[in-house]
Amino acid sequence: MLESAISRFLSDRYSFDKRREILARHAGFDPVVWSEFATSLGILGATLPEDAGGLAGGAVETMIIMEALGQALVVEPYLETVVIGGGFLKRCAGPHSAALLSGISSGEVRIAFAVTEPTARYVPNDIRTTARREGEFWVLNGAKSVVDAAPTATHLIVTARTSGDRRDRSGVSLLIVEKTASGLTSHNYRLIDDRSAADLEFDNVRLPAGSLLTGEGEALPLIEQVLDEATAAVCAEAVGLMRRMLHDTIEYTKQRRQFGQPLASFQVLQHRMVDMYMALEQSVSAVYLATLKLDADALTRAKCVSAAKASIGQSARMIGQNAVQLHGAMGMTDELPLGHYFKRATVIEGQFGTVDHHIARYSQLSRAETP
């Protein structure tokens, strides 16, 4: 029922032309569409606690929503706000958490997660940004790079080191920062998949003591958990992208004629599309595995997520490249949706870790569980 409701809404209200209009007029965020996500669909609160106006859904609901958003190539910051922001806030008992969760559910709050730094790659505890205590305030200094959805966010969740050395697992903290905070500079730009991002600089940003979301220096296990949940979510989004790319390719080869007959009648191209279909089905199974293991112990969860992300990255590239090739020269034109789906799939391939990163992570985790 959830999948059907979202698909009908997006089919009626979020066409490819509508998406292009949003990008042209609103730089990747349409307040009207976001409000409808909160009210007409209710997906902003679908996985949030009931006392925050949500429906108390879980990982399966997130998977369903993200796949539908992927099929429609939605640019609004659902992943950053609900999956990541909501994932942190519903597990934190800070004074701001309840109000921010209610704001997410109603569509008034949008979150961006500032975790990446220029030299950190995909290591969340490699942190140069610092937060030091000054009386009743925290003073934040440092820089974050490629912060997805930061230009349209109302609040940031920022990782900072409150003690220890640069790569220590202890000493990592989470702070909530209003986007309008004094001393915060945002350098905004658009990514190749048309989504917005920013490089952020924090220069003596003074935050109230209540801005700390978790126990001081104890945030890394929660960060790793939420990042695994976000990785599983983008894998589900990638399945939606791959479904659409395969569907459009099949339809195109039925219509495009060569030597007096449709391209779809050539056996070699049929074999190619069967390979694409098999890669898609393998990806679906990988996403199911990762999603259903998000509540398992940390080691099992991380292994299943890395296995899924590596599989998804390989399948998305294979399906995307074949879809573009079978469309010929028009495969990457701006007018055709396929090229935009391929660009988003390319970004997802590196988001939260590349194929090589997750293969290495899986191998490392497998060695860790060997007696």
Protein backbone atom coordinates (compact mmCIF):
# COMPACT_ATOMS: atom_id res chain seq x y z
CA MET A 1 0.00 0.00 0.00
CA LEU A 2 2.84 2.38 0.83
CA GLU A 3 4.61 1.65 -2.44
CA SER A 4 1.39 2.07 -4.42
CA ALA A 5 0.54 5.40 -2.77
CA ILE A 6 4.01 6.87 -3.35
CA SER A 7 4.20 5.64 -6.94
CA ARG A 8 0.79 7.11 -7.81
CA PHE A 9 1.66 10.44 -6.24
CA LEU A 10 5.03 10.71 -7.98
CA SER A 11 3.56 9.61 -11.30
CA ASP A 12 0.91 12.32 -11.09
CA ARG A 13 2.91 15.11 -9.43
CA TYR A 14 6.62 14.52 -10.09
CA SER A 15 7.18 14.02 -13.81
CA PHE A 16 10.60 14.45 -15.40
CA ASP A 17 9.51 17.89 -16.66
CA LYS A 18 8.41 18.82 -13.13
CA ARG A 19 11.82 17.78 -11.83
CA ARG A 20 13.55 19.99 -14.39
CA GLU A 21 11.33 22.87 -13.36
CA ILE A 22 12.29 22.36 -9.70
CA LEU A 23 15.97 22.38 -10.60
CA ALA A 24 15.57 25.54 -12.66
CA ARG A 25 13.48 27.50 -10.16
CA HIS A 26 14.31 26.14 -6.75
CA ALA A 27 17.88 24.79 -7.01
CA GLY A 28 16.86 21.28 -6.07
CA PHE A 29 14.22 21.89 -3.44
CA ASP A 30 10.55 22.75 -3.93
CA PRO A 31 8.77 23.84 -0.71
CA VAL A 32 5.40 22.80 -2.15
CA VAL A 33 6.54 19.28 -3.00
CA TRP A 34 8.24 18.94 0.40
CA SER A 35 5.07 20.05 2.15
CA GLU A 36 3.08 17.45 0.19
CA PHE A 37 5.60 14.79 1.26
CA ALA A 38 4.71 15.73 4.84
CA THR A 39 0.94 16.09 4.49
CA SER A 40 -0.50 14.32 1.44
CA LEU A 41 1.90 11.37 1.57
CA GLY A 42 3.13 11.41 5.15
CA ILE A 43 6.48 9.90 4.17
CA LEU A 44 8.52 12.44 6.16
CA GLY A 45 7.15 10.91 9.34
CA ALA A 46 6.74 7.33 8.15
CA THR A 47 9.81 6.09 10.03
CA LEU A 48 9.78 8.57 12.93
CA PRO A 49 8.37 7.92 16.44
CA GLU A 50 4.65 8.38 17.00
CA ASP A 51 5.20 11.03 19.69
CA ALA A 52 6.93 13.15 17.02
CA GLY A 53 3.97 12.87 14.66
CA GLY A 54 5.40 9.86 12.85
CA LEU A 55 4.14 6.36 12.06
CA ALA A 56 6.94 4.42 13.80
CA GLY A 57 7.99 2.58 10.65
CA GLY A 58 11.37 0.94 10.22
CA ALA A 59 14.00 -0.14 7.72
CA VAL A 60 11.54 -1.88 5.38
CA GLU A 61 9.46 1.29 5.05
CA THR A 62 12.63 3.26 4.33
CA MET A 63 13.58 0.77 1.62
CA ILE A 64 10.16 1.03 -0.05
CA ILE A 65 10.19 4.83 0.03
CA MET A 66 13.75 5.17 -1.24
CA GLU A 67 13.17 2.80 -4.17
CA ALA A 68 10.09 4.80 -5.21
CA LEU A 69 12.00 8.08 -4.91
CA GLY A 70 14.76 6.57 -7.04
CA GLN A 71 12.37 5.56 -9.80
CA ALA A 72 11.09 9.15 -9.96
CA LEU A 73 14.61 10.63 -9.61
CA VAL A 74 13.47 12.87 -6.74
CA VAL A 75 16.04 15.53 -5.75
CA GLU A 76 14.47 16.64 -2.46
CA PRO A 77 16.63 15.80 0.63
CA TYR A 78 14.68 12.83 2.02
CA LEU A 79 17.79 10.74 2.65
CA GLU A 80 19.65 13.50 4.46
CA THR A 81 16.70 14.72 6.51
CA VAL A 82 14.67 11.64 7.40
CA VAL A 83 17.04 8.69 7.10
CA ILE A 84 20.17 10.35 8.49
CA GLY A 85 18.83 13.27 10.52
CA GLY A 86 15.87 11.30 11.85
CA GLY A 87 18.13 8.30 12.44
CA PHE A 88 20.29 10.34 14.80
CA LEU A 89 17.60 12.37 16.52
CA LYS A 90 15.27 9.49 17.40
CA ARG A 91 18.15 7.83 19.25
CA CYS A 92 19.31 10.95 21.11
CA ALA A 93 17.68 12.34 24.21
CA GLY A 94 19.03 15.87 23.90
CA PRO A 95 16.82 18.91 24.56
CA HIS A 96 16.48 19.66 20.84
CA SER A 97 15.71 16.17 19.58
CA ALA A 98 11.94 16.03 20.16
CA ALA A 99 11.29 19.44 18.62
CA LEU A 100 13.49 18.71 15.60
CA LEU A 101 11.84 15.35 15.00
CA SER A 102 8.42 16.99 15.05
CA GLY A 103 9.76 19.62 12.65
CA ILE A 104 10.99 16.94 10.26
CA SER A 105 7.62 15.18 10.33
CA SER A 106 5.78 18.42 9.58
CA GLY A 107 8.20 19.47 6.85
CA GLU A 108 9.57 22.51 8.68
CA VAL A 109 13.04 21.09 9.46
CA ARG A 110 15.59 19.87 6.92
CA ILE A 111 18.86 18.28 8.01
CA ALA A 112 22.30 17.91 6.42
CA PHE A 113 24.97 15.64 7.91
CA ALA A 114 28.41 17.28 7.95
CA VAL A 115 30.77 14.33 8.33
CA THR A 116 33.16 14.29 5.36
CA GLU A 117 36.48 16.12 5.47
CA PRO A 118 39.00 16.66 2.65
CA THR A 119 41.51 14.06 3.87
CA ALA A 120 39.19 11.54 5.54
CA ARG A 121 37.89 9.51 2.56
CA TYR A 122 35.23 7.21 4.05
CA VAL A 123 36.59 7.03 7.62
CA PRO A 124 34.07 8.76 9.93
CA ASN A 125 36.51 9.00 12.85
CA ASP A 126 39.23 10.78 10.80
CA ILE A 127 38.27 14.22 12.07
CA ARG A 128 40.16 17.52 12.22
CA THR A 129 37.11 19.62 13.14
CA THR A 130 37.16 20.37 16.87
CA ALA A 131 34.68 21.45 19.52
CA ARG A 132 35.95 22.80 22.82
CA ARG A 133 34.01 23.76 25.92
CA GLU A 134 33.95 27.43 26.93
CA GLY A 135 31.74 27.92 29.96
CA GLU A 136 28.16 27.22 28.88
CA PHE A 137 29.06 26.99 25.20
CA TRP A 138 30.75 24.74 22.70
CA VAL A 139 33.10 26.48 20.25
CA LEU A 140 33.29 24.76 16.87
CA ASN A 141 36.20 25.14 14.43
CA GLY A 142 37.08 23.29 11.25
CA ALA A 143 35.80 22.47 7.77
CA LYS A 144 33.59 19.88 6.10
CA SER A 145 33.50 19.03 2.40
CA VAL A 146 30.78 17.91 -0.02
CA VAL A 147 27.96 18.11 2.53
CA ASP A 148 24.90 16.85 0.64
CA ALA A 149 21.75 19.00 0.90
CA ALA A 150 23.52 21.65 3.01
CA PRO A 151 22.33 24.59 0.81
CA THR A 152 18.65 23.81 1.55
CA ALA A 153 19.07 22.63 5.16
CA THR A 154 17.73 24.45 8.20
CA HIS A 155 20.02 22.53 10.59
CA LEU A 156 23.31 20.66 10.41
CA ILE A 157 24.44 17.63 12.39
CA VAL A 158 28.20 18.00 12.64
CA THR A 159 30.87 15.52 13.72
CA ALA A 160 33.63 17.08 15.78
CA ARG A 161 36.50 15.89 17.93
CA THR A 162 36.10 16.87 21.57
CA SER A 163 39.14 14.88 22.73
CA GLY A 164 41.85 12.53 21.48
CA ASP A 165 43.94 12.46 18.32
CA ARG A 166 42.77 12.80 14.73
CA ARG A 167 41.90 9.13 14.04
CA ASP A 168 41.00 7.93 17.55
CA ARG A 169 37.71 6.04 17.81
CA SER A 170 36.97 7.74 21.13
CA GLY A 171 36.52 11.47 21.45
CA VAL A 172 34.06 11.88 18.54
CA SER A 173 30.93 13.94 19.28
CA LEU A 174 27.81 15.08 17.42
CA LEU A 175 26.49 18.64 17.58
CA ILE A 176 23.38 20.22 16.14
CA VAL A 177 24.05 23.55 14.42
CA GLU A 178 21.51 25.97 13.02
CA LYS A 179 22.31 26.92 9.44
CA THR A 180 22.15 30.61 10.37
CA ALA A 181 24.78 30.31 13.13
CA SER A 182 27.35 33.12 13.28
CA GLY A 183 30.77 32.03 12.05
CA LEU A 184 29.41 29.40 9.63
CA THR A 185 30.28 29.89 5.96
CA SER A 186 28.70 27.77 3.22
CA HIS A 187 30.12 27.48 -0.30
CA ASN A 188 27.25 26.03 -2.32
CA TYR A 189 27.37 24.16 -5.62
CA ARG A 190 25.52 21.52 -7.64
CA LEU A 191 26.73 17.95 -8.13
CA ILE A 192 26.71 16.12 -11.48
CA ASP A 193 23.40 14.45 -10.52
CA ASP A 194 21.79 17.90 -10.05
CA ARG A 195 21.63 17.63 -6.26
CA SER A 196 22.96 20.43 -4.09
CA ALA A 197 25.97 20.27 -1.78
CA ALA A 198 28.30 22.65 0.02
CA ASP A 199 31.72 22.99 1.57
CA LEU A 200 31.35 24.34 5.10
CA GLU A 201 33.73 26.34 7.29
CA PHE A 202 33.27 26.78 11.03
CA ASP A 203 35.11 29.74 12.54
CA ASN A 204 34.58 29.94 16.30
CA VAL A 205 30.91 28.98 15.99
CA ARG A 206 29.46 29.26 19.50
CA LEU A 207 26.81 26.69 20.36
CA PRO A 208 24.73 26.20 23.52
CA ALA A 209 25.72 23.30 25.77
CA GLY A 210 22.51 21.51 24.78
CA SER A 211 23.73 21.28 21.18
CA LEU A 212 25.61 18.08 22.04
CA LEU A 213 23.45 15.18 20.83
CA THR A 214 25.18 12.25 22.53
CA GLY A 215 27.52 11.70 25.45
CA GLU A 216 30.72 13.67 24.95
CA GLY A 217 33.17 11.68 22.82
CA GLU A 218 30.86 8.65 22.52
CA ALA A 219 29.19 9.20 19.16
CA LEU A 220 31.16 6.95 16.79
CA PRO A 221 29.13 3.70 17.21
CA LEU A 222 25.92 5.65 16.51
CA ILE A 223 27.53 7.37 13.51
CA GLU A 224 28.55 4.01 12.05
CA GLN A 225 25.05 2.63 12.59
CA VAL A 226 23.30 5.56 10.92
CA LEU A 227 25.78 5.56 8.02
CA ASP A 228 25.04 1.86 7.46
CA GLU A 229 21.32 2.66 7.44
CA ALA A 230 21.92 5.49 4.96
CA THR A 231 24.03 3.19 2.77
CA ALA A 232 21.25 0.59 2.68
CA ALA A 233 18.82 3.38 1.80
CA VAL A 234 20.84 4.62 -1.21
CA CYS A 235 21.14 0.99 -2.33
CA ALA A 236 17.33 0.85 -2.38
CA GLU A 237 17.27 4.14 -4.30
CA ALA A 238 19.71 2.63 -6.80
CA VAL A 239 17.35 -0.31 -7.36
CA GLY A 240 14.66 2.22 -8.31
CA LEU A 241 17.07 3.89 -10.73
CA MET A 242 18.05 0.57 -12.30
CA ARG A 243 14.41 -0.48 -12.72
CA ARG A 244 13.72 2.71 -14.64
CA MET A 245 16.85 2.48 -16.80
CA LEU A 246 16.06 -1.12 -17.73
CA HIS A 247 12.39 -0.31 -18.43
CA ASP A 248 13.27 2.66 -20.64
CA THR A 249 15.84 0.61 -22.53
CA ILE A 250 13.40 -2.21 -23.26
CA GLU A 251 10.75 0.25 -24.44
CA TYR A 252 13.25 2.09 -26.64
CA THR A 253 14.50 -1.09 -28.32
CA LYS A 254 10.91 -2.04 -29.10
CA GLN A 255 10.38 1.28 -30.90
CA ARG A 256 13.77 1.90 -32.55
CA ARG A 257 14.06 0.07 -35.88
CA GLN A 258 17.19 -1.09 -37.67
CA PHE A 259 17.31 -3.02 -40.96
CA GLY A 260 13.52 -2.89 -41.04
CA GLN A 261 12.86 -4.48 -37.64
CA PRO A 262 12.89 -3.41 -33.97
CA LEU A 263 16.19 -3.54 -32.09
CA ALA A 264 14.46 -5.75 -29.51
CA SER A 265 14.17 -8.51 -32.10
CA PHE A 266 17.95 -8.98 -32.31
CA GLN A 267 18.99 -11.90 -30.15
CA VAL A 268 22.31 -10.40 -29.10
CA LEU A 269 20.52 -7.36 -27.68
CA GLN A 270 17.95 -9.58 -25.98
CA HIS A 271 20.84 -11.36 -24.24
CA ARG A 272 22.25 -8.00 -23.20
CA MET A 273 18.95 -6.94 -21.62
CA VAL A 274 18.59 -10.32 -19.89
CA ASP A 275 22.01 -9.72 -18.30
CA MET A 276 20.78 -6.31 -17.16
CA TYR A 277 17.65 -7.90 -15.68
CA MET A 278 19.71 -10.50 -13.82
CA ALA A 279 21.96 -7.77 -12.38
CA LEU A 280 18.86 -5.92 -11.21
CA GLU A 281 17.42 -8.99 -9.49
CA GLN A 282 20.73 -9.66 -7.78
CA SER A 283 20.69 -6.07 -6.52
CA VAL A 284 17.15 -6.46 -5.19
CA SER A 285 18.22 -9.48 -3.16
CA ALA A 286 21.28 -7.64 -1.85
CA VAL A 287 19.12 -4.73 -0.71
CA TYR A 288 16.70 -7.09 1.05
CA LEU A 289 19.60 -8.71 2.90
CA ALA A 290 21.10 -5.39 3.99
CA THR A 291 17.73 -3.97 5.04
CA LEU A 292 16.70 -7.00 7.10
CA LYS A 293 20.08 -7.09 8.87
CA LEU A 294 20.13 -3.45 10.00
CA ASP A 295 18.92 -4.51 13.46
CA ALA A 296 21.53 -7.27 13.79
CA ASP A 297 24.78 -6.93 15.75
CA ALA A 298 27.21 -4.31 14.46
CA LEU A 299 29.53 -6.77 12.71
CA THR A 300 26.76 -8.62 10.84
CA ARG A 301 25.04 -5.36 9.93
CA ALA A 302 28.23 -3.83 8.53
CA LYS A 303 29.12 -6.94 6.50
CA CYS A 304 25.67 -7.17 4.90
CA VAL A 305 25.62 -3.46 4.08
CA SER A 306 29.08 -3.58 2.50
CA ALA A 307 28.14 -6.67 0.49
CA ALA A 308 25.05 -4.88 -0.80
CA LYS A 309 26.87 -1.65 -1.61
CA ALA A 310 29.61 -3.45 -3.54
CA SER A 311 27.02 -5.46 -5.49
CA ILE A 312 24.86 -2.40 -6.17
CA GLY A 313 27.83 -0.37 -7.39
CA GLN A 314 28.80 -3.04 -9.91
CA SER A 315 25.22 -3.62 -11.11
CA ALA A 316 24.38 0.08 -11.40
CA ARG A 317 27.41 0.69 -13.59
CA MET A 318 26.69 -2.35 -15.77
CA ILE A 319 23.00 -1.50 -16.23
CA GLY A 320 23.64 2.20 -16.70
CA GLN A 321 26.40 1.80 -19.27
CA ASN A 322 24.42 -0.76 -21.27
CA ALA A 323 21.30 1.40 -21.15
CA VAL A 324 23.22 4.39 -22.49
CA GLN A 325 24.87 2.30 -25.21
CA LEU A 326 21.62 0.72 -26.36
CA HIS A 327 20.08 4.19 -26.65
CA GLY A 328 22.92 5.25 -28.92
CA ALA A 329 24.11 8.86 -29.10
CA MET A 330 20.94 10.16 -27.43
CA GLY A 331 21.64 8.16 -24.25
CA MET A 332 23.43 11.05 -22.52
CA THR A 333 21.49 14.00 -23.91
CA ASP A 334 20.02 16.43 -21.40
CA GLU A 335 16.53 16.04 -22.88
CA LEU A 336 16.33 12.29 -22.24
CA PRO A 337 15.68 11.11 -18.65
CA LEU A 338 18.10 8.20 -19.02
CA GLY A 339 21.20 10.38 -18.87
CA HIS A 340 20.05 11.90 -15.58
CA TYR A 341 19.37 8.47 -14.09
CA PHE A 342 22.83 7.36 -15.15
CA LYS A 343 24.43 10.41 -13.50
CA ARG A 344 22.62 9.75 -10.22
CA ALA A 345 23.64 6.08 -10.35
CA THR A 346 27.24 7.17 -10.91
CA VAL A 347 27.14 9.38 -7.81
CA ILE A 348 25.58 6.59 -5.73
CA GLU A 349 28.42 4.29 -6.77
CA GLY A 350 30.78 6.47 -4.72
CA GLN A 351 28.37 7.69 -2.05
CA PHE A 352 29.21 6.30 1.43
CA GLY A 353 32.04 4.28 -0.10
CA THR A 354 33.07 2.93 -3.50
CA VAL A 355 32.93 -0.70 -4.61
CA ASP A 356 36.61 -1.13 -3.75
CA HIS A 357 36.11 0.44 -0.32
CA HIS A 358 33.26 -1.87 0.60
CA ILE A 359 34.98 -5.00 -0.73
CA ALA A 360 37.98 -4.13 1.47
CA ARG A 361 35.67 -3.38 4.41
CA TYR A 362 33.85 -6.69 3.96
CA SER A 363 37.17 -8.53 3.88
CA GLN A 364 38.37 -6.76 7.01
CA LEU A 365 35.11 -7.49 8.86
CA SER A 366 35.26 -11.15 7.81
CA ARG A 367 38.75 -11.47 9.26
CA ALA A 368 37.54 -9.81 12.47
CA GLU A 369 34.83 -12.44 13.03
CA THR A 370 37.12 -15.40 12.28
CA PRO A 371 38.06 -17.15 15.56
